[in-house]
PDB file of N, CA and C in Angstrom:
ATOM      1  N   MET A   1      37.907 -46.586  49.766  1.00  0.00           N
ATOM      2  CA  MET A   1      39.095 -45.912  49.383  1.00  0.00           C
ATOM      3  C   MET A   1      38.922 -45.729  50.964  1.00  0.00           C
ATOM      4  N   PRO A   2      41.053 -45.151  51.123  1.00  0.00           N
ATOM      5  CA  PRO A   2      42.344 -45.522  52.764  1.00  0.00           C
ATOM      6  C   PRO A   2      41.509 -43.989  53.645  1.00  0.00           C
ATOM      7  N   ASP A   3      41.248 -44.588  54.561  1.00  0.00           N
ATOM      8  CA  ASP A   3      40.933 -43.732  56.056  1.00  0.00           C
ATOM      9  C   ASP A   3      41.569 -43.114  55.878  1.00  0.00           C
ATOM     10  N   ILE A   4      41.943 -41.366  56.436  1.00  0.00           N
ATOM     11  CA  ILE A   4      42.984 -40.283  56.972  1.00  0.00           C
ATOM     12  C   ILE A   4      43.638 -40.752  57.157  1.00  0.00           C
ATOM     13  N   ALA A   5      43.283 -41.939  58.786  1.00  0.00           N
ATOM     14  CA  ALA A   5      44.284 -41.816  59.470  1.00  0.00           C
ATOM     15  C   ALA A   5      45.456 -43.432  58.617  1.00  0.00           C
ATOM     16  N   GLN A   6      44.741 -43.140  57.439  1.00  0.00           N
ATOM     17  CA  GLN A   6      45.989 -45.009  56.814  1.00  0.00           C
ATOM     18  C   GLN A   6      46.828 -43.295  55.984  1.00  0.00           C
ATOM     19  N   THR A   7      46.401 -43.071  55.221  1.00  0.00           N
ATOM     20  CA  THR A   7      46.535 -41.755  54.263  1.00  0.00           C
ATOM     21  C   THR A   7      47.949 -41.091  55.197  1.00  0.00           C
ATOM     22  N   LEU A   8      47.943 -41.068  56.129  1.00  0.00           N
ATOM     23  CA  LEU A   8      48.472 -39.302  57.078  1.00  0.00           C
ATOM     24  C   LEU A   8      49.515 -40.472  57.369  1.00  0.00           C
ATOM     25  N   ALA A   9      49.625 -41.780  58.052  1.00  0.00           N
ATOM     26  CA  ALA A   9      50.396 -42.906  57.215  1.00  0.00           C
ATOM     27  C   ALA A   9      51.236 -42.464  56.886  1.00  0.00           C
ATOM     28  N   GLU A  10      51.115 -43.558  56.236  1.00  0.00           N
ATOM     29  CA  GLU A  10      51.950 -43.567  53.801  1.00  0.00           C
ATOM     30  C   GLU A  10      52.720 -41.991  53.825  1.00  0.00           C
ATOM     31  N   ARG A  11      52.239 -41.403  53.702  1.00  0.00           N
ATOM     32  CA  ARG A  11      52.351 -39.520  53.427  1.00  0.00           C
ATOM     33  C   ARG A  11      54.078 -39.210  54.710  1.00  0.00           C
ATOM     34  N   GLY A  12      52.798 -39.593  55.899  1.00  0.00           N
ATOM     35  CA  GLY A  12      54.181 -39.544  57.351  1.00  0.00           C
ATOM     36  C   GLY A  12      55.989 -40.441  56.479  1.00  0.00           C
ATOM     37  N   ALA A  13      55.274 -41.911  56.313  1.00  0.00           N
ATOM     38  CA  ALA A  13      56.377 -43.095  55.722  1.00  0.00           C
ATOM     39  C   ALA A  13      56.925 -42.644  54.564  1.00  0.00           C
ATOM     40  N   ARG A  14      56.563 -41.874  54.041  1.00  0.00           N
ATOM     41  CA  ARG A  14      57.558 -40.971  52.262  1.00  0.00           C
ATOM     42  C   ARG A  14      57.956 -40.122  52.917  1.00  0.00           C
ATOM     43  N   TYR A  15      57.782 -39.141  53.706  1.00  0.00           N
ATOM     44  CA  TYR A  15      57.941 -37.504  53.150  1.00  0.00           C
ATOM     45  C   TYR A  15      59.072 -36.749  54.793  1.00  0.00           C
ATOM     46  N   GLY A  16      58.341 -38.348  55.592  1.00  0.00           N
ATOM     47  CA  GLY A  16      59.225 -37.343  57.364  1.00  0.00           C
ATOM     48  C   GLY A  16      57.705 -36.756  57.991  1.00  0.00           C
ATOM     49  N   VAL A  17      57.786 -36.411  59.004  1.00  0.00           N
ATOM     50  CA  VAL A  17      56.578 -35.407  60.006  1.00  0.00           C
ATOM     51  C   VAL A  17      56.847 -34.611  59.748  1.00  0.00           C
ATOM     52  N   PHE A  18      55.626 -34.836  59.607  1.00  0.00           N
ATOM     53  CA  PHE A  18      55.545 -33.102  58.887  1.00  0.00           C
ATOM     54  C   PHE A  18      55.078 -31.817  59.196  1.00  0.00           C
ATOM     55  N   ALA A  19      55.725 -31.680  60.590  1.00  0.00           N
ATOM     56  CA  ALA A  19      56.434 -30.918  61.303  1.00  0.00           C
ATOM     57  C   ALA A  19      57.872 -29.645  61.191  1.00  0.00           C
ATOM     58  N   ASP A  20      58.930 -31.363  60.806  1.00  0.00           N
ATOM     59  CA  ASP A  20      59.433 -30.900  60.375  1.00  0.00           C
ATOM     60  C   ASP A  20      59.510 -30.586  58.861  1.00  0.00           C
ATOM     61  N   HIS A  21      59.149 -31.074  58.247  1.00  0.00           N
ATOM     62  CA  HIS A  21      58.815 -30.343  56.732  1.00  0.00           C
ATOM     63  C   HIS A  21      58.419 -29.100  56.806  1.00  0.00           C
ATOM     64  N   ALA A  22      57.770 -28.418  57.789  1.00  0.00           N
ATOM     65  CA  ALA A  22      56.931 -27.179  57.149  1.00  0.00           C
ATOM     66  C   ALA A  22      57.923 -26.524  57.678  1.00  0.00           C
ATOM     67  N   VAL A  23      58.389 -27.146  58.455  1.00  0.00           N
ATOM     68  CA  VAL A  23      59.607 -25.572  58.791  1.00  0.00           C
ATOM     69  C   VAL A  23      61.269 -25.669  57.569  1.00  0.00           C
ATOM     70  N   ILE A  24      61.200 -27.009  57.613  1.00  0.00           N
ATOM     71  CA  ILE A  24      62.177 -26.808  55.849  1.00  0.00           C
ATOM     72  C   ILE A  24      61.431 -25.702  54.468  1.00  0.00           C
ATOM     73  N   ALA A  25      60.267 -26.049  54.499  1.00  0.00           N
ATOM     74  CA  ALA A  25      59.589 -25.409  53.521  1.00  0.00           C
ATOM     75  C   ALA A  25      59.391 -24.313  53.765  1.00  0.00           C
ATOM     76  N   GLN A  26      58.920 -23.478  55.315  1.00  0.00           N
ATOM     77  CA  GLN A  26      58.723 -21.841  55.262  1.00  0.00           C
ATOM     78  C   GLN A  26      60.597 -21.595  55.342  1.00  0.00           C
ATOM     79  N   GLY A  27      61.600 -22.035  55.599  1.00  0.00           N
ATOM     80  CA  GLY A  27      62.504 -21.426  55.939  1.00  0.00           C
ATOM     81  C   GLY A  27      62.265 -21.034  54.396  1.00  0.00           C
ATOM     82  N   VAL A  28      62.860 -22.408  53.723  1.00  0.00           N
ATOM     83  CA  VAL A  28      63.073 -21.975  51.581  1.00  0.00           C
ATOM     84  C   VAL A  28      61.948 -20.539  51.228  1.00  0.00           C
ATOM     85  N   LYS A  29      61.198 -21.286  51.848  1.00  0.00           N
ATOM     86  CA  LYS A  29      59.954 -19.929  50.784  1.00  0.00           C
ATOM     87  C   LYS A  29      60.403 -18.501  51.761  1.00  0.00           C
ATOM     88  N   GLU A  30      60.743 -18.515  52.686  1.00  0.00           N
ATOM     89  CA  GLU A  30      61.222 -16.655  53.935  1.00  0.00           C
ATOM     90  C   GLU A  30      62.399 -15.992  53.320  1.00  0.00           C
ATOM     91  N   VAL A  31      63.420 -16.911  52.529  1.00  0.00           N
ATOM     92  CA  VAL A  31      64.035 -16.909  51.732  1.00  0.00           C
ATOM     93  C   VAL A  31      64.042 -16.264  50.045  1.00  0.00           C
ATOM     94  N   MET A  32      62.991 -16.986  49.126  1.00  0.00           N
ATOM     95  CA  MET A  32      62.375 -16.999  48.544  1.00  0.00           C
ATOM     96  C   MET A  32      61.836 -14.964  48.224  1.00  0.00           C
ATOM     97  N   TRP A  33      60.805 -15.567  49.468  1.00  0.00           N
ATOM     98  CA  TRP A  33      60.263 -13.985  49.390  1.00  0.00           C
ATOM     99  C   TRP A  33      61.298 -13.190  50.310  1.00  0.00           C
ATOM    100  N   ALA A  34      62.071 -12.370  50.439  1.00  0.00           N
ATOM    101  CA  ALA A  34      62.801 -11.826  50.874  1.00  0.00           C
ATOM    102  C   ALA A  34      64.393 -11.735  49.890  1.00  0.00           C
ATOM    103  N   ALA A  35      63.661 -12.024  48.886  1.00  0.00           N
ATOM    104  CA  ALA A  35      65.199 -11.893  47.635  1.00  0.00           C
ATOM    105  C   ALA A  35      64.629 -10.341  46.989  1.00  0.00           C
ATOM    106  N   PRO A  36      65.504 -10.027  46.262  1.00  0.00           N
ATOM    107  CA  PRO A  36      65.162  -8.983  45.893  1.00  0.00           C
ATOM    108  C   PRO A  36      64.261  -9.112  44.332  1.00  0.00           C
ATOM    109  N   GLY A  37      65.064  -9.851  44.701  1.00  0.00           N
ATOM    110  CA  GLY A  37      63.825 -10.188  42.847  1.00  0.00           C
ATOM    111  C   GLY A  37      62.329 -11.157  42.644  1.00  0.00           C
ATOM    112  N   TRP A  38      62.015 -11.308  44.077  1.00  0.00           N
ATOM    113  CA  TRP A  38      60.355 -12.066  44.380  1.00  0.00           C
ATOM    114  C   TRP A  38      59.075 -10.748  44.072  1.00  0.00           C
ATOM    115  N   GLU A  39      59.579  -9.843  44.084  1.00  0.00           N
ATOM    116  CA  GLU A  39      58.343  -8.957  43.705  1.00  0.00           C
ATOM    117  C   GLU A  39      58.530  -8.844  42.414  1.00  0.00           C
ATOM    118  N   ARG A  40      59.288  -9.169  41.486  1.00  0.00           N
ATOM    119  CA  ARG A  40      59.259  -8.800  39.933  1.00  0.00           C
ATOM    120  C   ARG A  40      58.534 -10.151  39.214  1.00  0.00           C
ATOM    121  N   LEU A  41      58.210 -11.201  39.961  1.00  0.00           N
ATOM    122  CA  LEU A  41      57.579 -12.503  39.064  1.00  0.00           C
ATOM    123  C   LEU A  41      56.523 -12.585  38.719  1.00  0.00           C
ATOM    124  N   GLN A  42      55.996 -13.046  38.529  1.00  0.00           N
ATOM    125  CA  GLN A  42      54.934 -13.442  37.529  1.00  0.00           C
ATOM    126  C   GLN A  42      54.243 -14.485  38.782  1.00  0.00           C
ATOM    127  N   PRO A  43      52.628 -14.214  38.673  1.00  0.00           N
ATOM    128  CA  PRO A  43      51.868 -14.885  39.740  1.00  0.00           C
ATOM    129  C   PRO A  43      52.177 -16.483  39.250  1.00  0.00           C
ATOM    130  N   ASP A  44      53.174 -17.127  38.401  1.00  0.00           N
ATOM    131  CA  ASP A  44      53.080 -18.040  37.395  1.00  0.00           C
ATOM    132  C   ASP A  44      54.591 -19.275  38.034  1.00  0.00           C
ATOM    133  N   GLN A  45      55.503 -18.005  38.300  1.00  0.00           N
ATOM    134  CA  GLN A  45      56.088 -18.082  38.542  1.00  0.00           C
ATOM    135  C   GLN A  45      56.553 -18.219  40.537  1.00  0.00           C
ATOM    136  N   LYS A  46      55.976 -17.409  41.242  1.00  0.00           N
ATOM    137  CA  LYS A  46      56.126 -16.750  42.187  1.00  0.00           C
ATOM    138  C   LYS A  46      55.222 -18.883  43.501  1.00  0.00           C
ATOM    139  N   GLN A  47      54.835 -18.883  42.138  1.00  0.00           N
ATOM    140  CA  GLN A  47      53.164 -20.300  42.351  1.00  0.00           C
ATOM    141  C   GLN A  47      54.104 -21.520  41.876  1.00  0.00           C
ATOM    142  N   ALA A  48      55.115 -22.104  41.096  1.00  0.00           N
ATOM    143  CA  ALA A  48      56.019 -21.950  41.006  1.00  0.00           C
ATOM    144  C   ALA A  48      56.742 -22.476  41.585  1.00  0.00           C
ATOM    145  N   LEU A  49      57.654 -21.250  42.557  1.00  0.00           N
ATOM    146  CA  LEU A  49      58.233 -21.699  42.961  1.00  0.00           C
ATOM    147  C   LEU A  49      58.157 -21.949  43.894  1.00  0.00           C
ATOM    148  N   GLU A  50      57.025 -21.702  44.632  1.00  0.00           N
ATOM    149  CA  GLU A  50      56.661 -22.426  46.036  1.00  0.00           C
ATOM    150  C   GLU A  50      56.484 -23.201  45.790  1.00  0.00           C
ATOM    151  N   VAL A  51      55.846 -24.180  44.874  1.00  0.00           N
ATOM    152  CA  VAL A  51      55.811 -25.573  44.659  1.00  0.00           C
ATOM    153  C   VAL A  51      57.252 -26.362  45.023  1.00  0.00           C
ATOM    154  N   ILE A  52      57.694 -26.109  43.946  1.00  0.00           N
ATOM    155  CA  ILE A  52      59.426 -26.690  43.823  1.00  0.00           C
ATOM    156  C   ILE A  52      59.697 -26.958  45.607  1.00  0.00           C
ATOM    157  N   GLY A  53      59.594 -25.763  46.118  1.00  0.00           N
ATOM    158  CA  GLY A  53      60.525 -25.264  47.684  1.00  0.00           C
ATOM    159  C   GLY A  53      59.665 -26.119  48.194  1.00  0.00           C
ATOM    160  N   ASP A  54      58.102 -26.340  48.117  1.00  0.00           N
ATOM    161  CA  ASP A  54      58.190 -27.494  49.051  1.00  0.00           C
ATOM    162  C   ASP A  54      59.098 -29.175  48.960  1.00  0.00           C
ATOM    163  N   LYS A  55      58.617 -29.199  47.645  1.00  0.00           N
ATOM    164  CA  LYS A  55      58.958 -29.855  46.614  1.00  0.00           C
ATOM    165  C   LYS A  55      60.680 -30.556  47.622  1.00  0.00           C
ATOM    166  N   VAL A  56      60.891 -29.724  47.634  1.00  0.00           N
ATOM    167  CA  VAL A  56      62.807 -29.640  48.415  1.00  0.00           C
ATOM    168  C   VAL A  56      62.723 -30.235  49.568  1.00  0.00           C
ATOM    169  N   ALA A  57      61.453 -29.374  50.760  1.00  0.00           N
ATOM    170  CA  ALA A  57      61.786 -29.615  51.698  1.00  0.00           C
ATOM    171  C   ALA A  57      61.308 -31.475  51.687  1.00  0.00           C
ATOM    172  N   ARG A  58      59.859 -31.333  50.778  1.00  0.00           N
ATOM    173  CA  ARG A  58      60.242 -32.687  51.210  1.00  0.00           C
ATOM    174  C   ARG A  58      60.671 -33.997  51.147  1.00  0.00           C
ATOM    175  N   ILE A  59      61.892 -33.430  50.242  1.00  0.00           N
ATOM    176  CA  ILE A  59      63.094 -35.024  49.188  1.00  0.00           C
ATOM    177  C   ILE A  59      64.022 -34.286  50.582  1.00  0.00           C
ATOM    178  N   LEU A  60      64.081 -32.766  51.180  1.00  0.00           N
ATOM    179  CA  LEU A  60      64.923 -33.217  52.803  1.00  0.00           C
ATOM    180  C   LEU A  60      64.422 -33.875  53.812  1.00  0.00           C
ATOM    181  N   ASN A  61      63.504 -33.998  53.647  1.00  0.00           N
ATOM    182  CA  ASN A  61      63.329 -34.492  55.004  1.00  0.00           C
ATOM    183  C   ASN A  61      62.625 -36.432  55.661  1.00  0.00           C
ATOM    184  N   GLY A  62      62.279 -36.195  53.802  1.00  0.00           N
ATOM    185  CA  GLY A  62      61.701 -38.051  53.786  1.00  0.00           C
ATOM    186  C   GLY A  62      62.225 -38.496  52.969  1.00  0.00           C
ATOM    187  N   ASP A  63      61.345 -39.561  51.365  1.00  0.00           N
ATOM    188  CA  ASP A  63      63.056 -39.712  51.123  1.00  0.00           C
ATOM    189  C   ASP A  63      63.307 -39.517  49.970  1.00  0.00           C
ATOM    190  N   PRO A  64      64.744 -38.958  49.812  1.00  0.00           N
ATOM    191  CA  PRO A  64      65.404 -38.443  48.482  1.00  0.00           C
ATOM    192  C   PRO A  64      65.231 -39.004  47.409  1.00  0.00           C
ATOM    193  N   ASP A  65      64.775 -40.708  47.189  1.00  0.00           N
ATOM    194  CA  ASP A  65      64.615 -41.349  46.141  1.00  0.00           C
ATOM    195  C   ASP A  65      63.620 -41.281  45.540  1.00  0.00           C
ATOM    196  N   TYR A  66      62.611 -40.572  46.059  1.00  0.00           N
ATOM    197  CA  TYR A  66      61.561 -41.125  45.380  1.00  0.00           C
ATOM    198  C   TYR A  66      61.104 -40.384  44.474  1.00  0.00           C
ATOM    199  N   HIS A  67      60.044 -40.738  42.747  1.00  0.00           N
ATOM    200  CA  HIS A  67      60.983 -40.227  41.562  1.00  0.00           C
ATOM    201  C   HIS A  67      60.028 -38.899  41.539  1.00  0.00           C
ATOM    202  N   ASP A  68      58.896 -39.085  41.667  1.00  0.00           N
ATOM    203  CA  ASP A  68      57.744 -38.770  42.177  1.00  0.00           C
ATOM    204  C   ASP A  68      57.926 -36.704  42.237  1.00  0.00           C
ATOM    205  N   ASN A  69      58.483 -37.024  43.744  1.00  0.00           N
ATOM    206  CA  ASN A  69      59.666 -35.785  44.341  1.00  0.00           C
ATOM    207  C   ASN A  69      60.760 -34.945  42.695  1.00  0.00           C
ATOM    208  N   TRP A  70      60.932 -35.749  41.986  1.00  0.00           N
ATOM    209  CA  TRP A  70      61.996 -34.635  41.521  1.00  0.00           C
ATOM    210  C   TRP A  70      60.358 -34.525  39.935  1.00  0.00           C
ATOM    211  N   HIS A  71      59.993 -35.540  39.439  1.00  0.00           N
ATOM    212  CA  HIS A  71      59.868 -36.004  38.161  1.00  0.00           C
ATOM    213  C   HIS A  71      58.252 -34.464  38.459  1.00  0.00           C
ATOM    214  N   ASP A  72      57.562 -33.525  39.473  1.00  0.00           N
ATOM    215  CA  ASP A  72      57.000 -32.860  39.916  1.00  0.00           C
ATOM    216  C   ASP A  72      57.712 -30.776  39.453  1.00  0.00           C
ATOM    217  N   ILE A  73      58.900 -32.186  40.128  1.00  0.00           N
ATOM    218  CA  ILE A  73      59.757 -30.009  40.138  1.00  0.00           C
ATOM    219  C   ILE A  73      59.995 -29.358  38.927  1.00  0.00           C
ATOM    220  N   VAL A  74      60.437 -30.420  38.244  1.00  0.00           N
ATOM    221  CA  VAL A  74      60.435 -30.558  36.203  1.00  0.00           C
ATOM    222  C   VAL A  74      59.046 -30.137  35.571  1.00  0.00           C
ATOM    223  N   GLY A  75      57.809 -29.966  36.460  1.00  0.00           N
ATOM    224  CA  GLY A  75      56.968 -30.213  35.742  1.00  0.00           C
ATOM    225  C   GLY A  75      56.131 -28.797  36.175  1.00  0.00           C
ATOM    226  N   TYR A  76      56.634 -28.609  37.794  1.00  0.00           N
ATOM    227  CA  TYR A  76      56.613 -26.896  37.404  1.00  0.00           C
ATOM    228  C   TYR A  76      57.375 -26.474  37.581  1.00  0.00           C
ATOM    229  N   ALA A  77      58.321 -26.396  36.875  1.00  0.00           N
ATOM    230  CA  ALA A  77      59.516 -25.338  36.017  1.00  0.00           C
ATOM    231  C   ALA A  77      59.252 -25.406  34.523  1.00  0.00           C
ATOM    232  N   LYS A  78      58.882 -26.126  33.962  1.00  0.00           N
ATOM    233  CA  LYS A  78      58.723 -26.700  32.230  1.00  0.00           C
ATOM    234  C   LYS A  78      57.014 -25.957  32.444  1.00  0.00           C
ATOM    235  N   LEU A  79      55.923 -25.767  33.526  1.00  0.00           N
ATOM    236  CA  LEU A  79      54.875 -25.294  33.135  1.00  0.00           C
ATOM    237  C   LEU A  79      55.480 -23.190  32.378  1.00  0.00           C
ATOM    238  N   VAL A  80      56.445 -22.974  33.770  1.00  0.00           N
ATOM    239  CA  VAL A  80      56.600 -21.219  33.716  1.00  0.00           C
ATOM    240  C   VAL A  80      57.291 -21.650  32.599  1.00  0.00           C
ATOM    241  N   ALA A  81      58.712 -22.411  32.595  1.00  0.00           N
ATOM    242  CA  ALA A  81      59.807 -22.330  30.258  1.00  0.00           C
ATOM    243  C   ALA A  81      58.836 -22.014  29.422  1.00  0.00           C
ATOM    244  N   ASP A  82      56.952 -22.840  30.122  1.00  0.00           N
ATOM    245  CA  ASP A  82      56.195 -22.706  28.583  1.00  0.00           C
ATOM    246  C   ASP A  82      55.853 -22.041  28.065  1.00  0.00           C
ATOM    247  N   ARG A  83      55.148 -21.515  29.061  1.00  0.00           N
ATOM    248  CA  ARG A  83      54.670 -20.218  28.932  1.00  0.00           C
ATOM    249  C   ARG A  83      55.833 -19.173  28.381  1.00  0.00           C
ATOM    250  N   LEU A  84      57.081 -18.921  28.961  1.00  0.00           N
ATOM    251  CA  LEU A  84      57.725 -17.555  28.905  1.00  0.00           C
ATOM    252  C   LEU A  84      58.287 -17.933  27.240  1.00  0.00           C
ATOM    253  N   ALA A  85      58.237 -19.478  26.457  1.00  0.00           N
ATOM    254  CA  ALA A  85      59.315 -19.701  25.172  1.00  0.00           C
ATOM    255  C   ALA A  85      58.513 -19.131  24.513  1.00  0.00           C
TER     256      ALA A  85
END
């Protein structure tokens, strides 16, 4: 198992500087939380949007061609869509 320093180095290479990612992610979340429709959402809808926002921040701050981030966005949206079907 890799040590934490190795894991953090790998993640930094993929997603960029964590502090920069955090600024983007928190900004996205603040916009969502301030939207008038936020309070109408169910917990799974809120969580999916927050995680999707985090994935968007990773894409913007890091490697935009990393398939896993895009795949995860589809997955979180599908979890909510399947419940609504």
